Amino acid sequence: MPEPDAGFLPASLETAWGLRERPAKGPRPALGLDRIVDAAITLAARDGIEAVSMGRVAKELGASTMSLYRYVAAKDELYVLMADTGVGTPPPVPEGTTGWRALLTAWAHAQLDVFRDRTWLLRIPISGPPATPNQVAWMERGLAALDGTGLHGDERLGTLTLVGGFIRNQATLTADLADAVRRSGADPDRVLARYAHTLRRFTDPVRQPAITRLLDAGVFSGPDDDPDADFRFGLERVLDGLAPLVARRTAEAGGTGHG
């Protein structure tokens, strides 16, 4: 692996880890980094991530745009700091949770809760692998869930990438659908009923027999009493796919392989 160039760390990472110091000279600024990040998050939660700009955040704080640059070099840096604050630290592992499947399931549901509460996080462009303090804490928790599995290092990292990608995809899909429903101004149950009606109108049992069977079974009818059902189903299938590899690796390492 090639050695990194000197000074390769982005300013945003140095800021997130508290490694950047404000120049000692000059008047003491009235703003603080936490206030700037909190204002940007408030703006994103209220008006969407596209509303976040240095100028809009400055207006939110009643300050000049230039005053923000004492703390944040650019909007991309602000995004990084917002994301780290937004994800927060992982919650405690639920008491009595043991085994890689249960631990990874708890990890996944905790992340889903974060994305559900802060959908603006899903709209921040991914600029690289997790490297800020809170993101690294989540990564550590996920890797720790795989202790005792016998998985190789690259396999553990691949597992987090696979599960993390599933979490983000499901959360994004849910957020997109919720946004579409809000824009329509209709009740969610009515939107689903309209969709079923549309399928009935444009499909038939000969050309689309599988869709017809779903319609006849009432899959698209009635309220969604369990909004996490699809997430749980998908997550279980992902973990089912990992289970044989975990069993093989634990056997190779002389472990029990219990999930």
C-alpha atoms as a PDB file:
ATOM      1  CA  MET A   1       0.000   0.000   0.000  1.00  0.00           C
ATOM      2  CA  PRO A   2       1.465   3.409  -0.951  1.00  0.00           C
ATOM      3  CA  GLU A   3       2.227   5.881   1.808  1.00  0.00           C
ATOM      4  CA  PRO A   4      -0.249   8.795   2.024  1.00  0.00           C
ATOM      5  CA  ASP A   5       0.966  12.214   1.042  1.00  0.00           C
ATOM      6  CA  ALA A   6       1.923  14.585   3.828  1.00  0.00           C
ATOM      7  CA  GLY A   7      -1.034  16.708   4.860  1.00  0.00           C
ATOM      8  CA  PHE A   8      -3.517  14.414   3.078  1.00  0.00           C
ATOM      9  CA  LEU A   9      -6.148  14.660   5.811  1.00  0.00           C
ATOM     10  CA  PRO A  10      -9.093  16.829   4.706  1.00  0.00           C
ATOM     11  CA  ALA A  11      -9.726  19.878   6.861  1.00  0.00           C
ATOM     12  CA  SER A  12     -13.224  18.551   7.594  1.00  0.00           C
ATOM     13  CA  LEU A  13     -11.802  15.433   9.265  1.00  0.00           C
ATOM     14  CA  GLU A  14      -9.318  17.418  11.292  1.00  0.00           C
ATOM     15  CA  THR A  15     -12.189  19.631  12.405  1.00  0.00           C
ATOM     16  CA  ALA A  16     -14.412  16.679  13.298  1.00  0.00           C
ATOM     17  CA  TRP A  17     -11.671  15.153  15.436  1.00  0.00           C
ATOM     18  CA  GLY A  18     -10.866  18.490  17.090  1.00  0.00           C
ATOM     19  CA  LEU A  19      -7.402  18.762  15.533  1.00  0.00           C
ATOM     20  CA  ARG A  20      -7.801  22.179  13.935  1.00  0.00           C
ATOM     21  CA  GLU A  21      -7.150  25.217  16.039  1.00  0.00           C
ATOM     22  CA  ARG A  22      -8.451  28.716  15.391  1.00  0.00           C
ATOM     23  CA  PRO A  23      -5.669  31.206  14.771  1.00  0.00           C
ATOM     24  CA  ALA A  24      -4.751  32.998  17.973  1.00  0.00           C
ATOM     25  CA  LYS A  25      -4.577  36.404  16.293  1.00  0.00           C
ATOM     26  CA  GLY A  26      -7.576  38.521  15.585  1.00  0.00           C
ATOM     27  CA  PRO A  27     -10.758  39.261  17.520  1.00  0.00           C
ATOM     28  CA  ARG A  28     -12.519  36.441  19.277  1.00  0.00           C
ATOM     29  CA  PRO A  29     -15.428  35.417  17.008  1.00  0.00           C
ATOM     30  CA  ALA A  30     -18.958  35.429  18.363  1.00  0.00           C
ATOM     31  CA  LEU A  31     -19.905  32.156  16.655  1.00  0.00           C
ATOM     32  CA  GLY A  32     -18.920  28.611  17.529  1.00  0.00           C
ATOM     33  CA  LEU A  33     -18.595  25.493  15.392  1.00  0.00           C
ATOM     34  CA  ASP A  34     -21.371  23.701  17.280  1.00  0.00           C
ATOM     35  CA  ARG A  35     -23.763  26.587  16.663  1.00  0.00           C
ATOM     36  CA  ILE A  36     -22.976  26.569  12.953  1.00  0.00           C
ATOM     37  CA  VAL A  37     -23.483  22.827  12.606  1.00  0.00           C
ATOM     38  CA  ASP A  38     -26.697  22.906  14.649  1.00  0.00           C
ATOM     39  CA  ALA A  39     -28.063  25.727  12.501  1.00  0.00           C
ATOM     40  CA  ALA A  40     -27.238  23.811   9.325  1.00  0.00           C
ATOM     41  CA  ILE A  41     -28.987  20.714  10.689  1.00  0.00           C
ATOM     42  CA  THR A  42     -32.055  22.757  11.622  1.00  0.00           C
ATOM     43  CA  LEU A  43     -32.130  24.145   8.093  1.00  0.00           C
ATOM     44  CA  ALA A  44     -31.754  20.686   6.523  1.00  0.00           C
ATOM     45  CA  ALA A  45     -34.474  19.168   8.708  1.00  0.00           C
ATOM     46  CA  ARG A  46     -36.866  21.986   7.929  1.00  0.00           C
ATOM     47  CA  ASP A  47     -36.176  22.787   4.275  1.00  0.00           C
ATOM     48  CA  GLY A  48     -34.106  19.877   2.959  1.00  0.00           C
ATOM     49  CA  ILE A  49     -30.388  19.430   2.453  1.00  0.00           C
ATOM     50  CA  GLU A  50     -30.488  21.415  -0.797  1.00  0.00           C
ATOM     51  CA  ALA A  51     -31.340  24.482   1.281  1.00  0.00           C
ATOM     52  CA  VAL A  52     -28.046  24.292   3.164  1.00  0.00           C
ATOM     53  CA  SER A  53     -25.511  26.836   1.991  1.00  0.00           C
ATOM     54  CA  MET A  54     -23.022  28.997   3.799  1.00  0.00           C
ATOM     55  CA  GLY A  55     -25.187  32.022   3.101  1.00  0.00           C
ATOM     56  CA  ARG A  56     -28.414  30.414   4.350  1.00  0.00           C
ATOM     57  CA  VAL A  57     -26.739  29.104   7.502  1.00  0.00           C
ATOM     58  CA  ALA A  58     -25.274  32.535   8.191  1.00  0.00           C
ATOM     59  CA  LYS A  59     -28.718  34.080   7.800  1.00  0.00           C
ATOM     60  CA  GLU A  60     -30.135  31.469  10.175  1.00  0.00           C
ATOM     61  CA  LEU A  61     -27.580  32.589  12.764  1.00  0.00           C
ATOM     62  CA  GLY A  62     -27.960  36.303  12.083  1.00  0.00           C
ATOM     63  CA  ALA A  63     -24.315  36.498  11.074  1.00  0.00           C
ATOM     64  CA  SER A  64     -22.310  37.363   7.985  1.00  0.00           C
ATOM     65  CA  THR A  65     -21.370  34.606   5.577  1.00  0.00           C
ATOM     66  CA  MET A  66     -17.676  35.424   5.900  1.00  0.00           C
ATOM     67  CA  SER A  67     -17.809  34.892   9.672  1.00  0.00           C
ATOM     68  CA  LEU A  68     -18.600  31.211   9.086  1.00  0.00           C
ATOM     69  CA  TYR A  69     -15.352  30.683   7.209  1.00  0.00           C
ATOM     70  CA  ARG A  70     -13.406  31.148  10.429  1.00  0.00           C
ATOM     71  CA  TYR A  71     -14.713  27.700  11.352  1.00  0.00           C
ATOM     72  CA  VAL A  72     -15.816  25.934   8.186  1.00  0.00           C
ATOM     73  CA  ALA A  73     -13.866  26.157   4.951  1.00  0.00           C
ATOM     74  CA  ALA A  74     -16.638  25.107   2.561  1.00  0.00           C
ATOM     75  CA  LYS A  75     -20.109  23.596   2.306  1.00  0.00           C
ATOM     76  CA  ASP A  76     -18.688  20.117   1.727  1.00  0.00           C
ATOM     77  CA  GLU A  77     -16.848  20.386   5.037  1.00  0.00           C
ATOM     78  CA  LEU A  78     -20.060  21.490   6.706  1.00  0.00           C
ATOM     79  CA  TYR A  79     -21.798  18.419   5.267  1.00  0.00           C
ATOM     80  CA  VAL A  80     -19.203  16.165   6.880  1.00  0.00           C
ATOM     81  CA  LEU A  81     -19.681  17.793  10.263  1.00  0.00           C
ATOM     82  CA  MET A  82     -23.472  17.680   9.942  1.00  0.00           C
ATOM     83  CA  ALA A  83     -23.388  13.978   9.094  1.00  0.00           C
ATOM     84  CA  ASP A  84     -21.186  13.157  12.057  1.00  0.00           C
ATOM     85  CA  THR A  85     -23.407  15.073  14.442  1.00  0.00           C
ATOM     86  CA  GLY A  86     -26.529  13.616  12.848  1.00  0.00           C
ATOM     87  CA  VAL A  87     -25.595   9.956  13.220  1.00  0.00           C
ATOM     88  CA  GLY A  88     -24.543  10.505  16.830  1.00  0.00           C
ATOM     89  CA  THR A  89     -22.997   7.747  18.899  1.00  0.00           C
ATOM     90  CA  PRO A  90     -24.380   4.198  18.760  1.00  0.00           C
ATOM     91  CA  PRO A  91     -26.911   3.448  21.505  1.00  0.00           C
ATOM     92  CA  PRO A  92     -26.040   0.840  24.136  1.00  0.00           C
ATOM     93  CA  VAL A  93     -26.373  -2.770  23.043  1.00  0.00           C
ATOM     94  CA  PRO A  94     -29.755  -4.079  24.261  1.00  0.00           C
ATOM     95  CA  GLU A  95     -29.314  -6.070  27.450  1.00  0.00           C
ATOM     96  CA  GLY A  96     -29.017  -9.796  26.870  1.00  0.00           C
ATOM     97  CA  THR A  97     -28.163  -9.444  23.173  1.00  0.00           C
ATOM     98  CA  THR A  98     -25.575 -12.053  22.206  1.00  0.00           C
ATOM     99  CA  GLY A  99     -24.457 -13.784  19.040  1.00  0.00           C
ATOM    100  CA  TRP A 100     -23.413 -12.176  15.809  1.00  0.00           C
ATOM    101  CA  ARG A 101     -26.889 -12.233  14.233  1.00  0.00           C
ATOM    102  CA  ALA A 102     -28.634 -10.599  17.178  1.00  0.00           C
ATOM    103  CA  LEU A 103     -25.872  -8.032  17.610  1.00  0.00           C
ATOM    104  CA  LEU A 104     -25.787  -7.157  13.917  1.00  0.00           C
ATOM    105  CA  THR A 105     -29.593  -6.983  13.854  1.00  0.00           C
ATOM    106  CA  ALA A 106     -29.594  -4.536  16.779  1.00  0.00           C
ATOM    107  CA  TRP A 107     -26.892  -2.503  15.000  1.00  0.00           C
ATOM    108  CA  ALA A 108     -28.960  -2.390  11.815  1.00  0.00           C
ATOM    109  CA  HIS A 109     -32.193  -1.359  13.544  1.00  0.00           C
ATOM    110  CA  ALA A 110     -30.369   1.356  15.486  1.00  0.00           C
ATOM    111  CA  GLN A 111     -29.069   2.809  12.218  1.00  0.00           C
ATOM    112  CA  LEU A 112     -32.516   2.597  10.648  1.00  0.00           C
ATOM    113  CA  ASP A 113     -33.912   4.577  13.584  1.00  0.00           C
ATOM    114  CA  VAL A 114     -31.311   7.302  12.990  1.00  0.00           C
ATOM    115  CA  PHE A 115     -32.143   7.562   9.287  1.00  0.00           C
ATOM    116  CA  ARG A 116     -35.862   7.516  10.012  1.00  0.00           C
ATOM    117  CA  ASP A 117     -35.548  10.398  12.483  1.00  0.00           C
ATOM    118  CA  ARG A 118     -33.108  12.378  10.308  1.00  0.00           C
ATOM    119  CA  THR A 119     -33.956  11.676   6.689  1.00  0.00           C
ATOM    120  CA  TRP A 120     -31.801  14.615   5.602  1.00  0.00           C
ATOM    121  CA  LEU A 121     -28.775  12.423   6.353  1.00  0.00           C
ATOM    122  CA  LEU A 122     -29.702  10.274   3.363  1.00  0.00           C
ATOM    123  CA  ARG A 123     -29.455  13.301   1.071  1.00  0.00           C
ATOM    124  CA  ILE A 124     -25.863  14.175   1.967  1.00  0.00           C
ATOM    125  CA  PRO A 125     -23.556  12.885  -0.785  1.00  0.00           C
ATOM    126  CA  ILE A 126     -21.209  10.127   0.398  1.00  0.00           C
ATOM    127  CA  SER A 127     -17.704  11.571   0.126  1.00  0.00           C
ATOM    128  CA  GLY A 128     -15.724   8.575   1.340  1.00  0.00           C
ATOM    129  CA  PRO A 129     -15.585   5.711   3.838  1.00  0.00           C
ATOM    130  CA  PRO A 130     -16.502   6.402   7.494  1.00  0.00           C
ATOM    131  CA  ALA A 131     -13.765   8.492   9.069  1.00  0.00           C
ATOM    132  CA  THR A 132     -15.388  10.939  11.500  1.00  0.00           C
ATOM    133  CA  PRO A 133     -15.631  10.165  15.242  1.00  0.00           C
ATOM    134  CA  ASN A 134     -19.251   9.034  15.397  1.00  0.00           C
ATOM    135  CA  GLN A 135     -19.095   7.169  12.110  1.00  0.00           C
ATOM    136  CA  VAL A 136     -16.007   5.328  13.320  1.00  0.00           C
ATOM    137  CA  ALA A 137     -17.873   4.474  16.551  1.00  0.00           C
ATOM    138  CA  TRP A 138     -20.671   2.885  14.500  1.00  0.00           C
ATOM    139  CA  MET A 139     -18.097   0.997  12.446  1.00  0.00           C
ATOM    140  CA  GLU A 140     -16.429  -0.275  15.622  1.00  0.00           C
ATOM    141  CA  ARG A 141     -19.782  -1.468  16.989  1.00  0.00           C
ATOM    142  CA  GLY A 142     -20.542  -3.327  13.765  1.00  0.00           C
ATOM    143  CA  LEU A 143     -17.151  -4.996  13.648  1.00  0.00           C
ATOM    144  CA  ALA A 144     -17.407  -5.947  17.320  1.00  0.00           C
ATOM    145  CA  ALA A 145     -20.674  -7.762  16.535  1.00  0.00           C
ATOM    146  CA  LEU A 146     -18.631 -10.128  14.364  1.00  0.00           C
ATOM    147  CA  ASP A 147     -16.160 -11.085  17.097  1.00  0.00           C
ATOM    148  CA  GLY A 148     -15.969 -14.837  17.431  1.00  0.00           C
ATOM    149  CA  THR A 149     -17.278 -15.530  13.932  1.00  0.00           C
ATOM    150  CA  GLY A 150     -13.880 -16.426  12.543  1.00  0.00           C
ATOM    151  CA  LEU A 151     -14.497 -14.138   9.569  1.00  0.00           C
ATOM    152  CA  HIS A 152     -11.344 -12.767   7.980  1.00  0.00           C
ATOM    153  CA  GLY A 153     -10.702  -9.032   8.149  1.00  0.00           C
ATOM    154  CA  ASP A 154     -11.796  -8.354   4.584  1.00  0.00           C
ATOM    155  CA  GLU A 155     -14.890 -10.491   5.120  1.00  0.00           C
ATOM    156  CA  ARG A 156     -15.857  -8.508   8.216  1.00  0.00           C
ATOM    157  CA  LEU A 157     -15.473  -5.255   6.356  1.00  0.00           C
ATOM    158  CA  GLY A 158     -17.432  -6.669   3.427  1.00  0.00           C
ATOM    159  CA  THR A 159     -20.184  -7.743   5.815  1.00  0.00           C
ATOM    160  CA  LEU A 160     -20.541  -4.203   7.167  1.00  0.00           C
ATOM    161  CA  THR A 161     -20.578  -2.826   3.624  1.00  0.00           C
ATOM    162  CA  LEU A 162     -23.280  -5.310   2.614  1.00  0.00           C
ATOM    163  CA  VAL A 163     -25.495  -4.787   5.655  1.00  0.00           C
ATOM    164  CA  GLY A 164     -24.872  -1.042   5.745  1.00  0.00           C
ATOM    165  CA  GLY A 165     -25.797  -0.754   2.074  1.00  0.00           C
ATOM    166  CA  PHE A 166     -29.025  -2.640   2.688  1.00  0.00           C
ATOM    167  CA  ILE A 167     -29.902  -0.354   5.616  1.00  0.00           C
ATOM    168  CA  ARG A 168     -29.251   2.801   3.613  1.00  0.00           C
ATOM    169  CA  ASN A 169     -31.126   1.552   0.567  1.00  0.00           C
ATOM    170  CA  GLN A 170     -34.198   0.589   2.588  1.00  0.00           C
ATOM    171  CA  ALA A 171     -34.146   3.861   4.507  1.00  0.00           C
ATOM    172  CA  THR A 172     -33.781   5.877   1.288  1.00  0.00           C
ATOM    173  CA  LEU A 173     -36.622   4.002  -0.409  1.00  0.00           C
ATOM    174  CA  THR A 174     -38.891   4.591   2.579  1.00  0.00           C
ATOM    175  CA  ALA A 175     -37.978   8.286   2.677  1.00  0.00           C
ATOM    176  CA  ASP A 176     -38.532   8.674  -1.075  1.00  0.00           C
ATOM    177  CA  LEU A 177     -41.960   7.056  -0.873  1.00  0.00           C
ATOM    178  CA  ALA A 178     -42.899   9.189   2.143  1.00  0.00           C
ATOM    179  CA  ASP A 179     -41.837  12.339   0.260  1.00  0.00           C
ATOM    180  CA  ALA A 180     -43.931  11.289  -2.738  1.00  0.00           C
ATOM    181  CA  VAL A 181     -46.972  10.724  -0.529  1.00  0.00           C
ATOM    182  CA  ARG A 182     -46.508  14.121   1.119  1.00  0.00           C
ATOM    183  CA  ARG A 183     -46.240  15.831  -2.265  1.00  0.00           C
ATOM    184  CA  SER A 184     -49.442  14.151  -3.407  1.00  0.00           C
ATOM    185  CA  GLY A 185     -51.302  15.435  -0.363  1.00  0.00           C
ATOM    186  CA  ALA A 186     -53.170  12.135  -0.146  1.00  0.00           C
ATOM    187  CA  ASP A 187     -53.594   9.691   2.703  1.00  0.00           C
ATOM    188  CA  PRO A 188     -50.974   6.881   2.509  1.00  0.00           C
ATOM    189  CA  ASP A 189     -53.672   4.199   2.451  1.00  0.00           C
ATOM    190  CA  ARG A 190     -55.388   5.967  -0.435  1.00  0.00           C
ATOM    191  CA  VAL A 191     -52.082   6.143  -2.346  1.00  0.00           C
ATOM    192  CA  LEU A 192     -51.688   2.385  -1.964  1.00  0.00           C
ATOM    193  CA  ALA A 193     -55.290   1.808  -3.060  1.00  0.00           C
ATOM    194  CA  ARG A 194     -54.701   3.969  -6.130  1.00  0.00           C
ATOM    195  CA  TYR A 195     -51.619   1.943  -6.974  1.00  0.00           C
ATOM    196  CA  ALA A 196     -53.571  -1.300  -6.740  1.00  0.00           C
ATOM    197  CA  HIS A 197     -56.260   0.203  -8.960  1.00  0.00           C
ATOM    198  CA  THR A 198     -53.632   1.278 -11.501  1.00  0.00           C
ATOM    199  CA  LEU A 199     -52.167  -2.223 -11.621  1.00  0.00           C
ATOM    200  CA  ARG A 200     -55.620  -3.727 -12.050  1.00  0.00           C
ATOM    201  CA  ARG A 201     -56.315  -1.404 -14.953  1.00  0.00           C
ATOM    202  CA  PHE A 202     -53.109  -1.922 -16.907  1.00  0.00           C
ATOM    203  CA  THR A 203     -52.317  -5.580 -16.224  1.00  0.00           C
ATOM    204  CA  ASP A 204     -54.155  -8.814 -16.905  1.00  0.00           C
ATOM    205  CA  PRO A 205     -53.864 -12.458 -15.761  1.00  0.00           C
ATOM    206  CA  VAL A 206     -52.462 -13.622 -19.099  1.00  0.00           C
ATOM    207  CA  ARG A 207     -49.596 -11.176 -19.499  1.00  0.00           C
ATOM    208  CA  GLN A 208     -48.868 -10.556 -15.790  1.00  0.00           C
ATOM    209  CA  PRO A 209     -50.063 -13.619 -13.879  1.00  0.00           C
ATOM    210  CA  ALA A 210     -47.664 -13.077 -10.953  1.00  0.00           C
ATOM    211  CA  ILE A 211     -48.885  -9.505 -10.382  1.00  0.00           C
ATOM    212  CA  THR A 212     -52.483 -10.669 -10.682  1.00  0.00           C
ATOM    213  CA  ARG A 213     -51.920 -13.251  -7.960  1.00  0.00           C
ATOM    214  CA  LEU A 214     -50.552 -10.525  -5.655  1.00  0.00           C
ATOM    215  CA  LEU A 215     -53.574  -8.331  -6.335  1.00  0.00           C
ATOM    216  CA  ASP A 216     -55.965 -11.209  -5.712  1.00  0.00           C
ATOM    217  CA  ALA A 217     -54.161 -11.963  -2.443  1.00  0.00           C
ATOM    218  CA  GLY A 218     -54.745  -8.382  -1.274  1.00  0.00           C
ATOM    219  CA  VAL A 219     -51.043  -7.623  -0.865  1.00  0.00           C
ATOM    220  CA  PHE A 220     -51.602  -3.987  -1.899  1.00  0.00           C
ATOM    221  CA  SER A 221     -54.766  -3.545   0.142  1.00  0.00           C
ATOM    222  CA  GLY A 222     -55.300  -2.348   3.684  1.00  0.00           C
ATOM    223  CA  PRO A 223     -53.117  -0.271   6.026  1.00  0.00           C
ATOM    224  CA  ASP A 224     -49.497  -1.120   6.699  1.00  0.00           C
ATOM    225  CA  ASP A 225     -49.681  -2.270  10.314  1.00  0.00           C
ATOM    226  CA  ASP A 226     -45.984  -3.138  10.496  1.00  0.00           C
ATOM    227  CA  PRO A 227     -43.803  -0.575   8.682  1.00  0.00           C
ATOM    228  CA  ASP A 228     -40.635  -2.524   9.577  1.00  0.00           C
ATOM    229  CA  ALA A 229     -41.822  -5.833   8.093  1.00  0.00           C
ATOM    230  CA  ASP A 230     -40.015  -5.373   4.759  1.00  0.00           C
ATOM    231  CA  PHE A 231     -36.860  -4.240   6.540  1.00  0.00           C
ATOM    232  CA  ARG A 232     -36.848  -7.244   8.850  1.00  0.00           C
ATOM    233  CA  PHE A 233     -37.552  -9.618   5.995  1.00  0.00           C
ATOM    234  CA  GLY A 234     -34.706  -8.258   3.875  1.00  0.00           C
ATOM    235  CA  LEU A 235     -32.257  -8.109   6.760  1.00  0.00           C
ATOM    236  CA  GLU A 236     -32.999 -11.701   7.744  1.00  0.00           C
ATOM    237  CA  ARG A 237     -32.362 -12.865   4.165  1.00  0.00           C
ATOM    238  CA  VAL A 238     -29.050 -10.973   4.083  1.00  0.00           C
ATOM    239  CA  LEU A 239     -27.982 -12.573   7.361  1.00  0.00           C
ATOM    240  CA  ASP A 240     -29.169 -15.976   6.132  1.00  0.00           C
ATOM    241  CA  GLY A 241     -26.773 -15.557   3.221  1.00  0.00           C
ATOM    242  CA  LEU A 242     -23.893 -14.795   5.594  1.00  0.00           C
ATOM    243  CA  ALA A 243     -24.663 -17.623   8.027  1.00  0.00           C
ATOM    244  CA  PRO A 244     -23.025 -20.484   6.038  1.00  0.00           C
ATOM    245  CA  LEU A 245     -19.783 -18.527   5.709  1.00  0.00           C
ATOM    246  CA  VAL A 246     -19.786 -17.687   9.417  1.00  0.00           C
ATOM    247  CA  ALA A 247     -20.398 -21.350  10.272  1.00  0.00           C
ATOM    248  CA  ARG A 248     -17.534 -22.417   8.036  1.00  0.00           C
ATOM    249  CA  ARG A 249     -15.112 -19.845   9.432  1.00  0.00           C
ATOM    250  CA  THR A 250     -15.976 -20.580  13.063  1.00  0.00           C
ATOM    251  CA  ALA A 251     -15.512 -24.293  12.404  1.00  0.00           C
ATOM    252  CA  GLU A 252     -12.116 -23.590  10.859  1.00  0.00           C
ATOM    253  CA  ALA A 253     -11.196 -21.526  13.926  1.00  0.00           C
ATOM    254  CA  GLY A 254     -12.460 -24.211  16.301  1.00  0.00           C
ATOM    255  CA  GLY A 255     -15.410 -22.163  17.518  1.00  0.00           C
ATOM    256  CA  THR A 256     -19.067 -23.044  17.971  1.00  0.00           C
ATOM    257  CA  GLY A 257     -20.499 -20.929  15.172  1.00  0.00           C
ATOM    258  CA  HIS A 258     -23.626 -20.054  17.165  1.00  0.00           C
ATOM    259  CA  GLY A 259     -25.418 -16.957  15.894  1.00  0.00           C
END
